[in-house]
Amino acid sequence: DGYDIIEWITQQSWSNGKVGTWGPSALGRIQFQT
């Protein structure tokens, strides 16, 4: 899901094609999964 979200972001007109992730605890664990 994280992969698909990032792909969607990079297709938007306001995106420069670079994505970083942030978050603590469960929000951190999903970053590793992504």
PDB file of all heavy atoms in Angstrom:
ATOM      1  N   ASP A   1       0.835  -1.200   0.000  1.00  0.00           N
ATOM      2  CA  ASP A   1       0.000   0.000   0.000  1.00  0.00           C
ATOM      3  C   ASP A   1       0.873   1.254   0.000  1.00  0.00           C
ATOM      4  O   ASP A   1       0.608   2.219  -0.727  1.00  0.00           O
ATOM      5  CB  ASP A   1      -0.919   0.016   1.221  1.00  0.00           C
ATOM      6  CG  ASP A   1      -2.077  -0.963   1.089  1.00  0.00           C
ATOM      7  OD1 ASP A   1      -2.349  -1.445  -0.026  1.00  0.00           O
ATOM      8  OD2 ASP A   1      -2.722  -1.239   2.123  1.00  0.00           O
ATOM      9  N   GLY A   2       1.931   1.248   0.830  1.00  0.00           N
ATOM     10  CA  GLY A   2       2.845   2.387   0.850  1.00  0.00           C
ATOM     11  C   GLY A   2       3.483   2.629  -0.506  1.00  0.00           C
ATOM     12  O   GLY A   2       3.616   3.773  -0.952  1.00  0.00           O
ATOM     13  N   TYR A   3       3.877   1.542  -1.168  1.00  0.00           N
ATOM     14  CA  TYR A   3       4.441   1.653  -2.520  1.00  0.00           C
ATOM     15  C   TYR A   3       3.440   2.326  -3.454  1.00  0.00           C
ATOM     16  O   TYR A   3       3.786   3.266  -4.199  1.00  0.00           O
ATOM     17  CB  TYR A   3       4.787   0.254  -3.027  1.00  0.00           C
ATOM     18  CG  TYR A   3       5.472   0.210  -4.373  1.00  0.00           C
ATOM     19  CD1 TYR A   3       6.816  -0.088  -4.469  1.00  0.00           C
ATOM     20  CD2 TYR A   3       4.763   0.462  -5.560  1.00  0.00           C
ATOM     21  CE1 TYR A   3       7.449  -0.136  -5.711  1.00  0.00           C
ATOM     22  CE2 TYR A   3       5.384   0.417  -6.788  1.00  0.00           C
ATOM     23  CZ  TYR A   3       6.730   0.114  -6.860  1.00  0.00           C
ATOM     24  OH  TYR A   3       7.362   0.074  -8.083  1.00  0.00           O
ATOM     25  N   ASP A   4       2.194   1.871  -3.436  1.00  0.00           N
ATOM     26  CA  ASP A   4       1.182   2.419  -4.338  1.00  0.00           C
ATOM     27  C   ASP A   4       0.889   3.884  -4.039  1.00  0.00           C
ATOM     28  O   ASP A   4       0.660   4.683  -4.957  1.00  0.00           O
ATOM     29  CB  ASP A   4      -0.107   1.598  -4.235  1.00  0.00           C
ATOM     30  CG  ASP A   4       0.045   0.188  -4.798  1.00  0.00           C
ATOM     31  OD1 ASP A   4       1.070  -0.096  -5.446  1.00  0.00           O
ATOM     32  OD2 ASP A   4      -0.858  -0.634  -4.565  1.00  0.00           O
ATOM     33  N   ILE A   5       0.885   4.245  -2.762  1.00  0.00           N
ATOM     34  CA  ILE A   5       0.660   5.648  -2.398  1.00  0.00           C
ATOM     35  C   ILE A   5       1.779   6.521  -2.945  1.00  0.00           C
ATOM     36  O   ILE A   5       1.540   7.599  -3.505  1.00  0.00           O
ATOM     37  CB  ILE A   5       0.552   5.797  -0.868  1.00  0.00           C
ATOM     38  CG1 ILE A   5      -0.695   5.085  -0.346  1.00  0.00           C
ATOM     39  CG2 ILE A   5       0.509   7.279  -0.474  1.00  0.00           C
ATOM     40  CD1 ILE A   5      -0.713   4.915   1.162  1.00  0.00           C
ATOM     41  N   ILE A   6       3.015   6.069  -2.799  1.00  0.00           N
ATOM     42  CA  ILE A   6       4.152   6.849  -3.298  1.00  0.00           C
ATOM     43  C   ILE A   6       4.080   6.990  -4.810  1.00  0.00           C
ATOM     44  O   ILE A   6       4.327   8.084  -5.367  1.00  0.00           O
ATOM     45  CB  ILE A   6       5.474   6.204  -2.858  1.00  0.00           C
ATOM     46  CG1 ILE A   6       5.647   6.377  -1.344  1.00  0.00           C
ATOM     47  CG2 ILE A   6       6.666   6.807  -3.605  1.00  0.00           C
ATOM     48  CD1 ILE A   6       6.814   5.624  -0.759  1.00  0.00           C
ATOM     49  N   GLU A   7       3.719   5.913  -5.499  1.00  0.00           N
ATOM     50  CA  GLU A   7       3.573   6.001  -6.950  1.00  0.00           C
ATOM     51  C   GLU A   7       2.491   7.016  -7.327  1.00  0.00           C
ATOM     52  O   GLU A   7       2.661   7.791  -8.279  1.00  0.00           O
ATOM     53  CB  GLU A   7       3.227   4.621  -7.524  1.00  0.00           C
ATOM     54  CG  GLU A   7       4.377   3.635  -7.503  1.00  0.00           C
ATOM     55  CD  GLU A   7       5.506   4.096  -8.414  1.00  0.00           C
ATOM     56  OE1 GLU A   7       5.341   4.052  -9.642  1.00  0.00           O
ATOM     57  OE2 GLU A   7       6.559   4.529  -7.875  1.00  0.00           O
ATOM     58  N   TRP A   8       1.384   7.026  -6.580  1.00  0.00           N
ATOM     59  CA  TRP A   8       0.310   7.985  -6.849  1.00  0.00           C
ATOM     60  C   TRP A   8       0.807   9.415  -6.624  1.00  0.00           C
ATOM     61  O   TRP A   8       0.528  10.314  -7.440  1.00  0.00           O
ATOM     62  CB  TRP A   8      -0.886   7.686  -5.947  1.00  0.00           C
ATOM     63  CG  TRP A   8      -2.031   8.627  -6.130  1.00  0.00           C
ATOM     64  CD1 TRP A   8      -3.067   8.518  -7.012  1.00  0.00           C
ATOM     65  CD2 TRP A   8      -2.261   9.846  -5.394  1.00  0.00           C
ATOM     66  NE1 TRP A   8      -3.922   9.589  -6.883  1.00  0.00           N
ATOM     67  CE2 TRP A   8      -3.446  10.417  -5.903  1.00  0.00           C
ATOM     68  CE3 TRP A   8      -1.572  10.500  -4.378  1.00  0.00           C
ATOM     69  CZ2 TRP A   8      -3.958  11.626  -5.414  1.00  0.00           C
ATOM     70  CZ3 TRP A   8      -2.072  11.700  -3.887  1.00  0.00           C
ATOM     71  CH2 TRP A   8      -3.259  12.241  -4.410  1.00  0.00           C
ATOM     72  N   ILE A   9       1.538   9.636  -5.543  1.00  0.00           N
ATOM     73  CA  ILE A   9       2.041  10.985  -5.246  1.00  0.00           C
ATOM     74  C   ILE A   9       2.879  11.515  -6.398  1.00  0.00           C
ATOM     75  O   ILE A   9       2.726  12.663  -6.836  1.00  0.00           O
ATOM     76  CB  ILE A   9       2.865  10.965  -3.942  1.00  0.00           C
ATOM     77  CG1 ILE A   9       1.947  10.764  -2.729  1.00  0.00           C
ATOM     78  CG2 ILE A   9       3.671  12.261  -3.786  1.00  0.00           C
ATOM     79  CD1 ILE A   9       2.693  10.519  -1.432  1.00  0.00           C
ATOM     80  N   THR A  10       3.773  10.687  -6.902  1.00  0.00           N
ATOM     81  CA  THR A  10       4.705  11.169  -7.929  1.00  0.00           C
ATOM     82  C   THR A  10       4.018  11.479  -9.250  1.00  0.00           C
ATOM     83  O   THR A  10       4.610  12.140 -10.112  1.00  0.00           O
ATOM     84  CB  THR A  10       5.827  10.132  -8.159  1.00  0.00           C
ATOM     85  OG1 THR A  10       5.253   8.892  -8.589  1.00  0.00           O
ATOM     86  CG2 THR A  10       6.603   9.895  -6.878  1.00  0.00           C
ATOM     87  N   GLN A  11       2.790  11.032  -9.413  1.00  0.00           N
ATOM     88  CA  GLN A  11       2.043  11.331 -10.634  1.00  0.00           C
ATOM     89  C   GLN A  11       1.242  12.629 -10.540  1.00  0.00           C
ATOM     90  O   GLN A  11       0.630  13.051 -11.531  1.00  0.00           O
ATOM     91  CB  GLN A  11       1.099  10.169 -10.939  1.00  0.00           C
ATOM     92  CG  GLN A  11       1.813   8.872 -11.282  1.00  0.00           C
ATOM     93  CD  GLN A  11       0.876   7.673 -11.313  1.00  0.00           C
ATOM     94  OE1 GLN A  11      -0.350   7.836 -11.324  1.00  0.00           O
ATOM     95  NE2 GLN A  11       1.433   6.476 -11.318  1.00  0.00           N
ATOM     96  N   GLN A  12       1.260  13.273  -9.374  1.00  0.00           N
ATOM     97  CA  GLN A  12       0.492  14.502  -9.199  1.00  0.00           C
ATOM     98  C   GLN A  12       1.269  15.713  -9.694  1.00  0.00           C
ATOM     99  O   GLN A  12       2.502  15.748  -9.622  1.00  0.00           O
ATOM    100  CB  GLN A  12       0.101  14.676  -7.733  1.00  0.00           C
ATOM    101  CG  GLN A  12      -0.610  13.472  -7.127  1.00  0.00           C
ATOM    102  CD  GLN A  12      -1.760  12.978  -7.984  1.00  0.00           C
ATOM    103  OE1 GLN A  12      -2.687  13.730  -8.295  1.00  0.00           O
ATOM    104  NE2 GLN A  12      -1.694  11.704  -8.377  1.00  0.00           N
ATOM    105  N   SER A  13       0.545  16.709 -10.150  1.00  0.00           N
ATOM    106  CA  SER A  13       1.185  17.887 -10.747  1.00  0.00           C
ATOM    107  C   SER A  13       2.020  18.674  -9.744  1.00  0.00           C
ATOM    108  O   SER A  13       2.972  19.364 -10.122  1.00  0.00           O
ATOM    109  CB  SER A  13       0.114  18.803 -11.357  1.00  0.00           C
ATOM    110  OG  SER A  13      -0.793  19.242 -10.352  1.00  0.00           O
ATOM    111  N   TRP A  14       1.682  18.558  -8.456  1.00  0.00           N
ATOM    112  CA  TRP A  14       2.403  19.319  -7.426  1.00  0.00           C
ATOM    113  C   TRP A  14       3.618  18.578  -6.883  1.00  0.00           C
ATOM    114  O   TRP A  14       4.347  19.087  -6.035  1.00  0.00           O
ATOM    115  CB  TRP A  14       1.476  19.662  -6.267  1.00  0.00           C
ATOM    116  CG  TRP A  14       0.524  18.574  -5.873  1.00  0.00           C
ATOM    117  CD1 TRP A  14      -0.774  18.433  -6.250  1.00  0.00           C
ATOM    118  CD2 TRP A  14       0.815  17.447  -5.034  1.00  0.00           C
ATOM    119  NE1 TRP A  14      -1.327  17.308  -5.695  1.00  0.00           N
ATOM    120  CE2 TRP A  14      -0.378  16.687  -4.944  1.00  0.00           C
ATOM    121  CE3 TRP A  14       1.939  17.022  -4.340  1.00  0.00           C
ATOM    122  CZ2 TRP A  14      -0.455  15.512  -4.184  1.00  0.00           C
ATOM    123  CZ3 TRP A  14       1.878  15.854  -3.595  1.00  0.00           C
ATOM    124  CH2 TRP A  14       0.678  15.118  -3.521  1.00  0.00           C
ATOM    125  N   SER A  15       3.885  17.375  -7.364  1.00  0.00           N
ATOM    126  CA  SER A  15       5.000  16.561  -6.862  1.00  0.00           C
ATOM    127  C   SER A  15       6.236  16.739  -7.717  1.00  0.00           C
ATOM    128  O   SER A  15       6.157  16.773  -8.948  1.00  0.00           O
ATOM    129  CB  SER A  15       4.606  15.084  -6.857  1.00  0.00           C
ATOM    130  OG  SER A  15       5.726  14.254  -6.605  1.00  0.00           O
ATOM    131  N   ASN A  16       7.399  16.839  -7.061  1.00  0.00           N
ATOM    132  CA  ASN A  16       8.661  16.886  -7.812  1.00  0.00           C
ATOM    133  C   ASN A  16       9.285  15.501  -7.943  1.00  0.00           C
ATOM    134  O   ASN A  16      10.423  15.360  -8.387  1.00  0.00           O
ATOM    135  CB  ASN A  16       9.649  17.858  -7.162  1.00  0.00           C
ATOM    136  CG  ASN A  16      10.144  17.381  -5.797  1.00  0.00           C
ATOM    137  OD1 ASN A  16       9.804  16.296  -5.325  1.00  0.00           O
ATOM    138  ND2 ASN A  16      10.941  18.214  -5.138  1.00  0.00           N
ATOM    139  N   GLY A  17       8.537  14.472  -7.524  1.00  0.00           N
ATOM    140  CA  GLY A  17       9.005  13.104  -7.699  1.00  0.00           C
ATOM    141  C   GLY A  17       9.792  12.540  -6.536  1.00  0.00           C
ATOM    142  O   GLY A  17      10.241  11.389  -6.602  1.00  0.00           O
ATOM    143  N   LYS A  18       9.944  13.315  -5.455  1.00  0.00           N
ATOM    144  CA  LYS A  18      10.692  12.839  -4.290  1.00  0.00           C
ATOM    145  C   LYS A  18       9.753  12.719  -3.092  1.00  0.00           C
ATOM    146  O   LYS A  18       9.024  13.655  -2.772  1.00  0.00           O
ATOM    147  CB  LYS A  18      11.833  13.794  -3.951  1.00  0.00           C
ATOM    148  CG  LYS A  18      12.893  13.882  -5.044  1.00  0.00           C
ATOM    149  CD  LYS A  18      13.996  14.843  -4.651  1.00  0.00           C
ATOM    150  CE  LYS A  18      15.064  14.928  -5.733  1.00  0.00           C
ATOM    151  NZ  LYS A  18      16.151  15.871  -5.361  1.00  0.00           N
ATOM    152  N   VAL A  19       9.804  11.561  -2.421  1.00  0.00           N
ATOM    153  CA  VAL A  19       8.940  11.306  -1.275  1.00  0.00           C
ATOM    154  C   VAL A  19       9.778  10.796  -0.107  1.00  0.00           C
ATOM    155  O   VAL A  19      10.623   9.904  -0.273  1.00  0.00           O
ATOM    156  CB  VAL A  19       7.851  10.267  -1.612  1.00  0.00           C
ATOM    157  CG1 VAL A  19       6.955  10.016  -0.393  1.00  0.00           C
ATOM    158  CG2 VAL A  19       7.010  10.728  -2.806  1.00  0.00           C
ATOM    159  N   GLY A  20       9.542  11.378   1.067  1.00  0.00           N
ATOM    160  CA  GLY A  20      10.115  10.873   2.302  1.00  0.00           C
ATOM    161  C   GLY A  20       8.982  10.488   3.237  1.00  0.00           C
ATOM    162  O   GLY A  20       7.837  10.929   3.065  1.00  0.00           O
ATOM    163  N   THR A  21       9.264   9.641   4.214  1.00  0.00           N
ATOM    164  CA  THR A  21       8.236   9.216   5.156  1.00  0.00           C
ATOM    165  C   THR A  21       8.621   9.628   6.571  1.00  0.00           C
ATOM    166  O   THR A  21       9.805   9.784   6.895  1.00  0.00           O
ATOM    167  CB  THR A  21       8.020   7.693   5.092  1.00  0.00           C
ATOM    168  OG1 THR A  21       9.253   7.026   5.388  1.00  0.00           O
ATOM    169  CG2 THR A  21       7.526   7.276   3.715  1.00  0.00           C
ATOM    170  N   TRP A  22       7.601   9.754   7.434  1.00  0.00           N
ATOM    171  CA  TRP A  22       7.822  10.205   8.819  1.00  0.00           C
ATOM    172  C   TRP A  22       6.768   9.592   9.724  1.00  0.00           C
ATOM    173  O   TRP A  22       5.638   9.329   9.287  1.00  0.00           O
ATOM    174  CB  TRP A  22       7.707  11.733   8.884  1.00  0.00           C
ATOM    175  CG  TRP A  22       7.894  12.302  10.267  1.00  0.00           C
ATOM    176  CD1 TRP A  22       9.067  12.752  10.817  1.00  0.00           C
ATOM    177  CD2 TRP A  22       6.886  12.492  11.271  1.00  0.00           C
ATOM    178  NE1 TRP A  22       8.849  13.188  12.097  1.00  0.00           N
ATOM    179  CE2 TRP A  22       7.513  13.044  12.410  1.00  0.00           C
ATOM    180  CE3 TRP A  22       5.518  12.235  11.323  1.00  0.00           C
ATOM    181  CZ2 TRP A  22       6.819  13.355  13.573  1.00  0.00           C
ATOM    182  CZ3 TRP A  22       4.816  12.536  12.484  1.00  0.00           C
ATOM    183  CH2 TRP A  22       5.469  13.100  13.588  1.00  0.00           C
ATOM    184  N   GLY A  23       7.139   9.380  10.988  1.00  0.00           N
ATOM    185  CA  GLY A  23       6.143   8.970  11.963  1.00  0.00           C
ATOM    186  C   GLY A  23       6.714   8.106  13.069  1.00  0.00           C
ATOM    187  O   GLY A  23       7.712   7.409  12.881  1.00  0.00           O
ATOM    188  N   PRO A  24       6.069   8.132  14.256  1.00  0.00           N
ATOM    189  CA  PRO A  24       6.521   7.337  15.393  1.00  0.00           C
ATOM    190  C   PRO A  24       5.733   6.046  15.565  1.00  0.00           C
ATOM    191  O   PRO A  24       4.601   5.915  15.098  1.00  0.00           O
ATOM    192  CB  PRO A  24       6.239   8.280  16.573  1.00  0.00           C
ATOM    193  CG  PRO A  24       5.017   9.031  16.144  1.00  0.00           C
ATOM    194  CD  PRO A  24       5.103   9.172  14.648  1.00  0.00           C
ATOM    195  N   SER A  25       6.350   5.091  16.261  1.00  0.00           N
ATOM    196  CA  SER A  25       5.697   3.856  16.687  1.00  0.00           C
ATOM    197  C   SER A  25       5.121   3.104  15.481  1.00  0.00           C
ATOM    198  O   SER A  25       5.851   2.777  14.552  1.00  0.00           O
ATOM    199  CB  SER A  25       4.621   4.167  17.734  1.00  0.00           C
ATOM    200  OG  SER A  25       4.149   3.002  18.363  1.00  0.00           O
ATOM    201  N   ALA A  26       3.809   2.854  15.457  1.00  0.00           N
ATOM    202  CA  ALA A  26       3.211   2.139  14.324  1.00  0.00           C
ATOM    203  C   ALA A  26       3.428   2.904  13.019  1.00  0.00           C
ATOM    204  O   ALA A  26       3.575   2.299  11.945  1.00  0.00           O
ATOM    205  CB  ALA A  26       1.722   1.928  14.562  1.00  0.00           C
ATOM    206  N   LEU A  27       3.461   4.227  13.095  1.00  0.00           N
ATOM    207  CA  LEU A  27       3.703   5.047  11.910  1.00  0.00           C
ATOM    208  C   LEU A  27       5.146   4.911  11.431  1.00  0.00           C
ATOM    209  O   LEU A  27       5.455   5.221  10.281  1.00  0.00           O
ATOM    210  CB  LEU A  27       3.405   6.517  12.191  1.00  0.00           C
ATOM    211  CG  LEU A  27       1.938   6.936  12.335  1.00  0.00           C
ATOM    212  CD1 LEU A  27       1.329   6.418  13.643  1.00  0.00           C
ATOM    213  CD2 LEU A  27       1.820   8.460  12.312  1.00  0.00           C
ATOM    214  N   GLY A  28       6.021   4.458  12.323  1.00  0.00           N
ATOM    215  CA  GLY A  28       7.399   4.170  11.945  1.00  0.00           C
ATOM    216  C   GLY A  28       7.544   2.781  11.370  1.00  0.00           C
ATOM    217  O   GLY A  28       8.257   2.568  10.383  1.00  0.00           O
ATOM    218  N   ARG A  29       6.858   1.826  11.991  1.00  0.00           N
ATOM    219  CA  ARG A  29       6.959   0.436  11.530  1.00  0.00           C
ATOM    220  C   ARG A  29       6.502   0.298  10.076  1.00  0.00           C
ATOM    221  O   ARG A  29       7.107  -0.421   9.281  1.00  0.00           O
ATOM    222  CB  ARG A  29       6.128  -0.457  12.451  1.00  0.00           C
ATOM    223  CG  ARG A  29       6.252  -1.928  12.171  1.00  0.00           C
ATOM    224  CD  ARG A  29       5.751  -2.737  13.349  1.00  0.00           C
ATOM    225  NE  ARG A  29       6.775  -2.859  14.385  1.00  0.00           N
ATOM    226  CZ  ARG A  29       6.603  -3.507  15.544  1.00  0.00           C
ATOM    227  NH1 ARG A  29       5.435  -4.071  15.817  1.00  0.00           N
ATOM    228  NH2 ARG A  29       7.581  -3.586  16.412  1.00  0.00           N
ATOM    229  N   ILE A  30       5.458   1.024   9.706  1.00  0.00           N
ATOM    230  CA  ILE A  30       4.974   0.918   8.327  1.00  0.00           C
ATOM    231  C   ILE A  30       5.948   1.564   7.338  1.00  0.00           C
ATOM    232  O   ILE A  30       5.963   1.222   6.155  1.00  0.00           O
ATOM    233  CB  ILE A  30       3.564   1.535   8.196  1.00  0.00           C
ATOM    234  CG1 ILE A  30       2.889   1.047   6.906  1.00  0.00           C
ATOM    235  CG2 ILE A  30       3.613   3.060   8.256  1.00  0.00           C
ATOM    236  CD1 ILE A  30       1.433   1.433   6.793  1.00  0.00           C
ATOM    237  N   GLN A  31       6.799   2.457   7.822  1.00  0.00           N
ATOM    238  CA  GLN A  31       7.822   3.030   6.938  1.00  0.00           C
ATOM    239  C   GLN A  31       8.817   1.954   6.504  1.00  0.00           C
ATOM    240  O   GLN A  31       9.230   1.910   5.336  1.00  0.00           O
ATOM    241  CB  GLN A  31       8.555   4.160   7.645  1.00  0.00           C
ATOM    242  CG  GLN A  31       7.706   5.375   7.944  1.00  0.00           C
ATOM    243  CD  GLN A  31       8.513   6.452   8.638  1.00  0.00           C
ATOM    244  OE1 GLN A  31       9.465   6.991   8.069  1.00  0.00           O
ATOM    245  NE2 GLN A  31       8.154   6.762   9.882  1.00  0.00           N
ATOM    246  N   PHE A  32       9.217   1.098   7.438  1.00  0.00           N
ATOM    247  CA  PHE A  32      10.118   0.007   7.078  1.00  0.00           C
ATOM    248  C   PHE A  32       9.438  -0.961   6.113  1.00  0.00           C
ATOM    249  O   PHE A  32      10.063  -1.437   5.163  1.00  0.00           O
ATOM    250  CB  PHE A  32      10.560  -0.748   8.331  1.00  0.00           C
ATOM    251  CG  PHE A  32      11.456   0.044   9.238  1.00  0.00           C
ATOM    252  CD1 PHE A  32      11.051   0.380  10.520  1.00  0.00           C
ATOM    253  CD2 PHE A  32      12.712   0.442   8.824  1.00  0.00           C
ATOM    254  CE1 PHE A  32      11.874   1.097  11.363  1.00  0.00           C
ATOM    255  CE2 PHE A  32      13.553   1.165   9.658  1.00  0.00           C
ATOM    256  CZ  PHE A  32      13.128   1.490  10.936  1.00  0.00           C
ATOM    257  N   GLN A  33       8.153  -1.236   6.356  1.00  0.00           N
ATOM    258  CA  GLN A  33       7.418  -2.136   5.470  1.00  0.00           C
ATOM    259  C   GLN A  33       7.337  -1.553   4.058  1.00  0.00           C
ATOM    260  O   GLN A  33       7.430  -2.277   3.062  1.00  0.00           O
ATOM    261  CB  GLN A  33       6.024  -2.398   6.034  1.00  0.00           C
ATOM    262  CG  GLN A  33       6.041  -3.159   7.342  1.00  0.00           C
ATOM    263  CD  GLN A  33       4.681  -3.193   8.020  1.00  0.00           C
ATOM    264  OE1 GLN A  33       3.805  -2.376   7.727  1.00  0.00           O
ATOM    265  NE2 GLN A  33       4.496  -4.130   8.930  1.00  0.00           N
ATOM    266  N   THR A  34       7.152  -0.225   3.989  1.00  0.00           N
ATOM    267  CA  THR A  34       7.108   0.445   2.687  1.00  0.00           C
ATOM    268  C   THR A  34       8.477   0.424   2.017  1.00  0.00           C
ATOM    269  O   THR A  34       8.598   0.108   0.823  1.00  0.00           O
ATOM    270  CB  THR A  34       6.624   1.895   2.857  1.00  0.00           C
ATOM    271  OG1 THR A  34       5.290   1.887   3.386  1.00  0.00           O
ATOM    272  CG2 THR A  34       6.631   2.640   1.534  1.00  0.00           C
TER     273      THR A  34
END
